[in-house]
Structure formats: C-alpha cells, structure tokens
Amino acid sequence: MIEINTIYNIDCINGLKLIDDNSIDLIVTDPPFNQNKKYGDHDDLLSEDQYKSWCNDWIKEGFRVLKDSGSFYVQINSKNMFLLHNIMNEYGIYQNACIWIKHSASITQTRRYAKNYQVWLFFTKTEKYKFYYNVEKILHRYEPYKYISNRNIDGRNADDIWEDICELSSGYLAQKEVLLDNNGCKLHLQQMPITLPKRMILHSSDVNDIILDMFIGSGTSAIACLQLKRNFIGFENDVEHFKIATDRIYEYKTQIRFS
C-alpha cells in the first residue's frame, strides 16, 4: 500500500504498479539519460531500443496513474528529447518543451556546439488540465524592457525559456542549498535547484494535491511539495540517494516542527 508524503527505495516501475488509476495530480521527474552514470542497480548504458522500451514502461504507467486533470513533466537531454517526446505523445497531449538554461560551465566541444541547457517536456493527460499562468512573476529577459513605460516593470509571466534558474554548483561557487559531503563535494551530482520543481508545481497543481516523482534523487521535489503545502510520493532505486533524500526530508520536517 502506497502512502503519501513517503519515498520508497524501489524501482519506479514496480512502485507505479502499487498506485491506483487516476490518483495522481501531477508528475515531475528527472529520469536517467542513458549516459552510463551510477544509479543503484539500474543499467544506464542500454541500447537505444532497450532504453526506448524502458522509458515506455514508466511513461505508460505514469499516464495510467495520472488524473484527467493532471500534467506530466519530464526532464531529458537534447539527444533523447525526440525519443521521449514520441513515447509521451502515444499516451498524452503535448503542451510545451521548456528550455532550462543552466548558466553553468559547459563542456568544451570541438565538432559541435557546447550544450548548456536541459529540456522539460510538458504533457497532459487530457485538455482538461490545471494550469495557472500568472502564479509567479519573473524578471524580463532583456534589460531594456524594464524601462519601457508600457511594460510590466515588476516582471512577466513565465514562458518556455527558463533562464532565471541557475544550476547548482559545488566548490567555492556552491549555493546554500547544495548538499555537500565533508570534503565539500556534492552529495548528489544531479541535485536540482528547488526553484525548478516549484515552478511546475505552482503552475500545474493546487494545495493538497498529490505530486509523484518517479526518480526522486536527492528529494528536491519532496521538499518543494512540503514548502508549497502539497503531498508527495517518490521512488528512488539507488540506496545511497534514497538515504540522502530521506535524511533531507526528516531534517526539513524537524526544522519546521521546532521553528
């Protein structure tokens, strides 16, 4: 029996089978990109056909558990963007490909342009989905707009280019929210900034809704849910990452309890 506000050290496909049809309000998740990184016992170097089949399994299950009013956000790299788009298009309705510009030091390339962004695919189960377009205001992308009288100098509604959210860094550039070990290194190499899941949660859910993250990693989406008064369910197959996430959630709840 799956309980809300809990994360499980379990493979997401097995975990999804324990969730009822049409019971999740929003999915926000960041799956492995098939780049040979360490994720517990998950093989992150599958053939293209194997990776496609694996993605199809959790995407299909994700749409099954999603309510008709629900949305499904998935982060993916540019190489696999079209593969995932085509799978998700089999089960849901495409709304946006949001480009998160990371503002980090991109790896130098000699035969192609260096990449400095990730894509968030935004799909819905039906056209009766929740979306609150004016729930936040962000700064204008171009500085001169701030001084034109007929522009909103207090900001603008979010569009599909997300360049106001910086990737988390380690070392002397580390932000306060970065989880570090005793040597100052990131505990989770793919820890996302909390403003990233917050954007999707604010725009596509209501207070007390249930948010699912099938690859919860360091637990960022769970913390975002707690801060925004949403409920969460998370799956994490990697034992070390699961411990990081559970410790982080416990610490956050303890701080709130005694604050």
Protein backbone atom coordinates (compact mmCIF):
# COMPACT_ATOMS: atom_id res chain seq x y z
CA MET A 1 0.00 0.00 0.00
CA ILE A 2 1.47 3.33 -1.10
CA GLU A 3 1.28 6.15 1.44
CA ILE A 4 1.51 9.85 0.65
CA ASN A 5 4.40 12.00 1.88
CA THR A 6 6.68 8.97 1.71
CA ILE A 7 9.51 7.94 -0.59
CA TYR A 8 10.30 4.32 -1.36
CA ASN A 9 13.60 2.58 -2.13
CA ILE A 10 12.09 0.70 -5.05
CA ASP A 11 12.30 0.54 -8.83
CA CYS A 12 9.77 3.02 -10.18
CA ILE A 13 8.03 0.56 -12.49
CA ASN A 14 7.37 -1.78 -9.56
CA GLY A 15 6.30 1.16 -7.43
CA LEU A 16 3.92 2.51 -10.04
CA LYS A 17 2.05 -0.81 -10.09
CA LEU A 18 1.08 -0.15 -6.47
CA ILE A 19 -0.65 3.14 -7.32
CA ASP A 20 -4.32 3.27 -8.29
CA ASP A 21 -5.51 4.50 -11.68
CA ASN A 22 -6.31 8.22 -11.93
CA SER A 23 -5.00 9.09 -8.46
CA ILE A 24 -2.03 11.42 -9.08
CA ASP A 25 -2.46 15.15 -9.73
CA LEU A 26 0.99 15.93 -11.14
CA ILE A 27 4.17 14.12 -12.15
CA VAL A 28 7.50 15.95 -12.06
CA THR A 29 10.54 13.75 -12.65
CA ASP A 30 14.12 13.66 -13.90
CA PRO A 31 14.98 10.15 -15.19
CA PRO A 32 18.39 8.72 -16.12
CA PHE A 33 19.53 9.86 -19.56
CA ASN A 34 21.28 6.60 -20.52
CA GLN A 35 24.74 8.14 -20.10
CA ASN A 36 26.40 5.35 -18.09
CA LYS A 37 26.03 7.05 -14.70
CA LYS A 38 25.62 5.21 -11.41
CA TYR A 39 22.00 4.73 -10.31
CA GLY A 40 21.98 1.73 -7.98
CA ASP A 41 21.46 -1.46 -9.98
CA HIS A 42 19.91 0.39 -12.95
CA ASP A 43 21.80 -0.15 -16.22
CA ASP A 44 22.37 3.37 -17.58
CA LEU A 45 24.02 2.21 -20.78
CA LEU A 46 21.23 0.44 -22.63
CA SER A 47 20.91 0.07 -26.36
CA GLU A 48 18.59 2.61 -27.95
CA ASP A 49 15.83 0.01 -28.31
CA GLN A 50 16.23 -1.10 -24.69
CA TYR A 51 16.20 2.49 -23.43
CA LYS A 52 13.12 3.24 -25.50
CA SER A 53 11.34 0.15 -24.13
CA TRP A 54 12.28 1.04 -20.53
CA CYS A 55 11.07 4.62 -20.93
CA ASN A 56 7.84 3.40 -22.49
CA ASP A 57 7.17 1.22 -19.43
CA TRP A 58 7.35 4.03 -16.84
CA ILE A 59 5.75 6.65 -19.08
CA LYS A 60 2.78 4.40 -19.84
CA GLU A 61 2.33 3.64 -16.14
CA GLY A 62 2.69 7.32 -15.32
CA PHE A 63 -0.19 8.30 -17.57
CA ARG A 64 -2.27 5.47 -16.12
CA VAL A 65 -1.99 6.78 -12.56
CA LEU A 66 -2.41 10.43 -13.62
CA LYS A 67 -5.80 12.10 -13.19
CA ASP A 68 -7.57 13.52 -16.24
CA SER A 69 -6.75 16.98 -14.89
CA GLY A 70 -3.10 16.06 -14.39
CA SER A 71 0.16 17.11 -16.01
CA PHE A 72 3.36 15.16 -16.66
CA TYR A 73 6.73 16.96 -16.69
CA VAL A 74 9.92 15.08 -17.61
CA GLN A 75 13.45 16.45 -17.83
CA ILE A 76 15.57 15.00 -20.62
CA ASN A 77 18.72 15.83 -22.56
CA SER A 78 18.65 17.03 -26.16
CA LYS A 79 19.90 13.68 -27.51
CA ASN A 80 16.87 11.77 -26.19
CA MET A 81 14.31 14.59 -26.36
CA PHE A 82 12.58 13.35 -29.51
CA LEU A 83 12.62 9.73 -28.36
CA LEU A 84 10.78 10.66 -25.15
CA HIS A 85 8.50 13.11 -26.93
CA ASN A 86 7.32 10.40 -29.31
CA ILE A 87 6.64 7.96 -26.46
CA MET A 88 4.75 10.52 -24.38
CA ASN A 89 2.76 11.55 -27.44
CA GLU A 90 1.36 8.00 -27.59
CA TYR A 91 -0.34 8.41 -24.21
CA GLY A 92 -0.82 12.13 -23.60
CA ILE A 93 -1.11 15.58 -25.16
CA TYR A 94 1.92 17.77 -25.84
CA GLN A 95 1.86 21.29 -24.37
CA ASN A 96 5.45 22.62 -24.23
CA ALA A 97 9.14 21.85 -24.46
CA CYS A 98 10.56 24.18 -21.82
CA ILE A 99 14.25 25.04 -22.16
CA TRP A 100 16.12 25.32 -18.86
CA ILE A 101 19.26 27.37 -19.49
CA LYS A 102 21.67 26.26 -16.78
CA HIS A 103 24.29 29.08 -16.83
CA SER A 104 26.98 26.57 -15.88
CA ALA A 105 30.37 25.94 -17.44
CA SER A 106 29.53 23.77 -20.45
CA ILE A 107 31.97 21.08 -21.57
CA THR A 108 34.12 22.28 -24.48
CA GLN A 109 33.28 20.67 -27.81
CA THR A 110 35.39 20.62 -30.97
CA ARG A 111 32.95 19.15 -33.50
CA ARG A 112 29.64 20.61 -32.29
CA TYR A 113 28.31 23.50 -30.19
CA ALA A 114 28.74 23.12 -26.44
CA LYS A 115 25.39 22.42 -24.73
CA ASN A 116 24.25 24.42 -21.73
CA TYR A 117 20.58 23.55 -21.31
CA GLN A 118 18.13 20.77 -20.48
CA VAL A 119 14.61 20.24 -21.79
CA TRP A 120 11.49 19.77 -19.68
CA LEU A 121 8.73 18.12 -21.73
CA PHE A 122 5.28 19.20 -20.56
CA PHE A 123 2.43 16.83 -21.44
CA THR A 124 -1.08 16.46 -20.08
CA LYS A 125 -3.44 13.51 -19.93
CA THR A 126 -6.40 15.43 -21.41
CA GLU A 127 -7.19 19.01 -22.38
CA LYS A 128 -8.96 19.49 -19.03
CA TYR A 129 -5.71 20.09 -17.17
CA LYS A 130 -4.84 22.60 -14.46
CA PHE A 131 -2.58 25.49 -15.41
CA TYR A 132 -2.17 28.79 -13.56
CA TYR A 133 -0.34 31.08 -15.97
CA ASN A 134 0.03 34.08 -13.66
CA VAL A 135 1.01 32.33 -10.42
CA GLU A 136 4.52 33.83 -10.49
CA LYS A 137 6.32 36.80 -12.00
CA ILE A 138 9.90 36.64 -13.25
CA LEU A 139 12.25 39.36 -14.42
CA HIS A 140 12.20 40.42 -18.03
CA ARG A 141 14.77 38.56 -20.08
CA TYR A 142 16.04 41.72 -21.77
CA GLU A 143 17.19 44.55 -19.54
CA PRO A 144 15.80 47.46 -21.68
CA TYR A 145 12.23 46.12 -21.24
CA LYS A 146 12.36 47.09 -17.57
CA TYR A 147 12.42 50.76 -18.53
CA ILE A 148 9.78 50.89 -21.27
CA SER A 149 6.68 52.52 -19.85
CA ASN A 150 4.17 50.10 -21.41
CA ARG A 151 5.94 47.04 -20.00
CA ASN A 152 5.32 45.47 -16.61
CA ILE A 153 8.43 46.54 -14.69
CA ASP A 154 7.54 44.09 -11.89
CA GLY A 155 8.14 41.09 -14.15
CA ARG A 156 6.35 38.86 -16.61
CA ASN A 157 4.57 35.55 -16.72
CA ALA A 158 6.84 32.56 -17.24
CA ASP A 159 7.33 31.36 -20.81
CA ASP A 160 9.08 28.29 -22.19
CA ILE A 161 12.61 29.68 -21.74
CA TRP A 162 13.75 29.23 -18.13
CA GLU A 163 16.94 31.22 -17.73
CA ASP A 164 16.22 32.68 -14.30
CA ILE A 165 17.04 29.38 -12.50
CA CYS A 166 20.74 28.61 -12.10
CA GLU A 167 22.16 25.09 -11.93
CA LEU A 168 23.58 24.17 -8.52
CA SER A 169 27.37 24.35 -8.20
CA SER A 170 29.95 22.84 -5.86
CA GLY A 171 33.23 24.23 -4.55
CA TYR A 172 33.56 27.93 -3.76
CA LEU A 173 30.57 28.69 -6.01
CA ALA A 174 28.22 26.37 -4.09
CA GLN A 175 24.84 27.83 -3.20
CA LYS A 176 23.44 27.36 0.31
CA GLU A 177 21.00 24.66 -0.76
CA VAL A 178 23.68 22.38 -2.22
CA LEU A 179 24.08 19.13 -0.27
CA LEU A 180 27.81 18.65 0.39
CA ASP A 181 29.91 15.93 1.97
CA ASN A 182 32.75 16.54 4.44
CA ASN A 183 35.12 17.30 1.57
CA GLY A 184 32.87 19.98 0.07
CA CYS A 185 31.75 17.80 -2.85
CA LYS A 186 28.13 17.47 -3.93
CA LEU A 187 26.38 14.50 -2.33
CA HIS A 188 24.19 14.11 -5.40
CA LEU A 189 25.72 15.15 -8.72
CA GLN A 190 22.32 15.76 -10.32
CA GLN A 191 20.72 17.71 -7.44
CA MET A 192 18.30 20.18 -8.98
CA PRO A 193 17.62 23.68 -7.62
CA ILE A 194 14.39 23.76 -5.66
CA THR A 195 13.04 26.63 -7.76
CA LEU A 196 12.85 24.22 -10.71
CA PRO A 197 10.20 21.78 -9.39
CA LYS A 198 8.49 24.69 -7.62
CA ARG A 199 7.79 26.33 -10.97
CA MET A 200 5.98 23.26 -12.31
CA ILE A 201 4.20 22.52 -9.03
CA LEU A 202 2.90 26.09 -8.74
CA HIS A 203 1.70 26.25 -12.35
CA SER A 204 0.13 22.79 -12.54
CA SER A 205 -1.29 21.83 -9.13
CA ASP A 206 -3.31 23.00 -6.15
CA VAL A 207 -2.67 22.91 -2.41
CA ASN A 208 -3.09 19.34 -1.04
CA ASP A 209 -2.64 17.75 -4.48
CA ILE A 210 -0.51 14.60 -4.78
CA ILE A 211 2.75 15.02 -6.69
CA LEU A 212 4.67 11.98 -7.94
CA ASP A 213 8.41 11.89 -8.65
CA MET A 214 9.46 8.50 -10.04
CA PHE A 215 13.20 9.29 -9.84
CA ILE A 216 13.33 11.47 -6.74
CA GLY A 217 17.12 11.51 -6.34
CA SER A 218 18.11 13.87 -3.53
CA GLY A 219 14.48 14.60 -2.62
CA THR A 220 14.24 18.13 -4.00
CA SER A 221 10.71 17.72 -5.37
CA ALA A 222 9.54 16.41 -1.97
CA ILE A 223 10.96 19.47 -0.19
CA ALA A 224 9.27 21.70 -2.78
CA CYS A 225 5.96 19.95 -2.08
CA LEU A 226 6.34 20.43 1.67
CA GLN A 227 7.10 24.12 1.19
CA LEU A 228 4.10 24.59 -1.10
CA LYS A 229 1.67 22.51 1.00
CA ARG A 230 1.36 19.66 -1.49
CA ASN A 231 1.60 15.92 -0.84
CA PHE A 232 4.25 13.79 -2.49
CA ILE A 233 5.12 10.22 -3.42
CA GLY A 234 8.64 9.36 -4.52
CA PHE A 235 10.59 6.37 -5.78
CA GLU A 236 14.39 6.06 -5.71
CA ASN A 237 16.19 2.87 -6.72
CA ASP A 238 19.66 3.94 -5.56
CA VAL A 239 20.18 3.13 -1.85
CA GLU A 240 22.65 5.97 -1.26
CA HIS A 241 20.44 8.55 -2.94
CA PHE A 242 17.41 7.20 -1.07
CA LYS A 243 19.20 7.77 2.24
CA ILE A 244 20.20 11.30 1.22
CA ALA A 245 16.59 12.10 0.34
CA THR A 246 15.05 10.57 3.48
CA ASP A 247 17.58 12.33 5.73
CA ARG A 248 16.92 15.61 3.96
CA ILE A 249 13.15 15.30 4.33
CA TYR A 250 13.45 14.35 8.01
CA GLU A 251 15.76 17.31 8.67
CA TYR A 252 13.37 19.70 6.92
CA LYS A 253 10.34 18.43 8.86
CA THR A 254 12.29 18.66 12.13
CA GLN A 255 13.30 22.23 11.43
CA ILE A 256 9.71 23.20 10.67
CA ARG A 257 8.49 21.46 13.82
CA PHE A 258 10.83 23.42 16.08
CA SER A 259 10.86 26.73 14.24
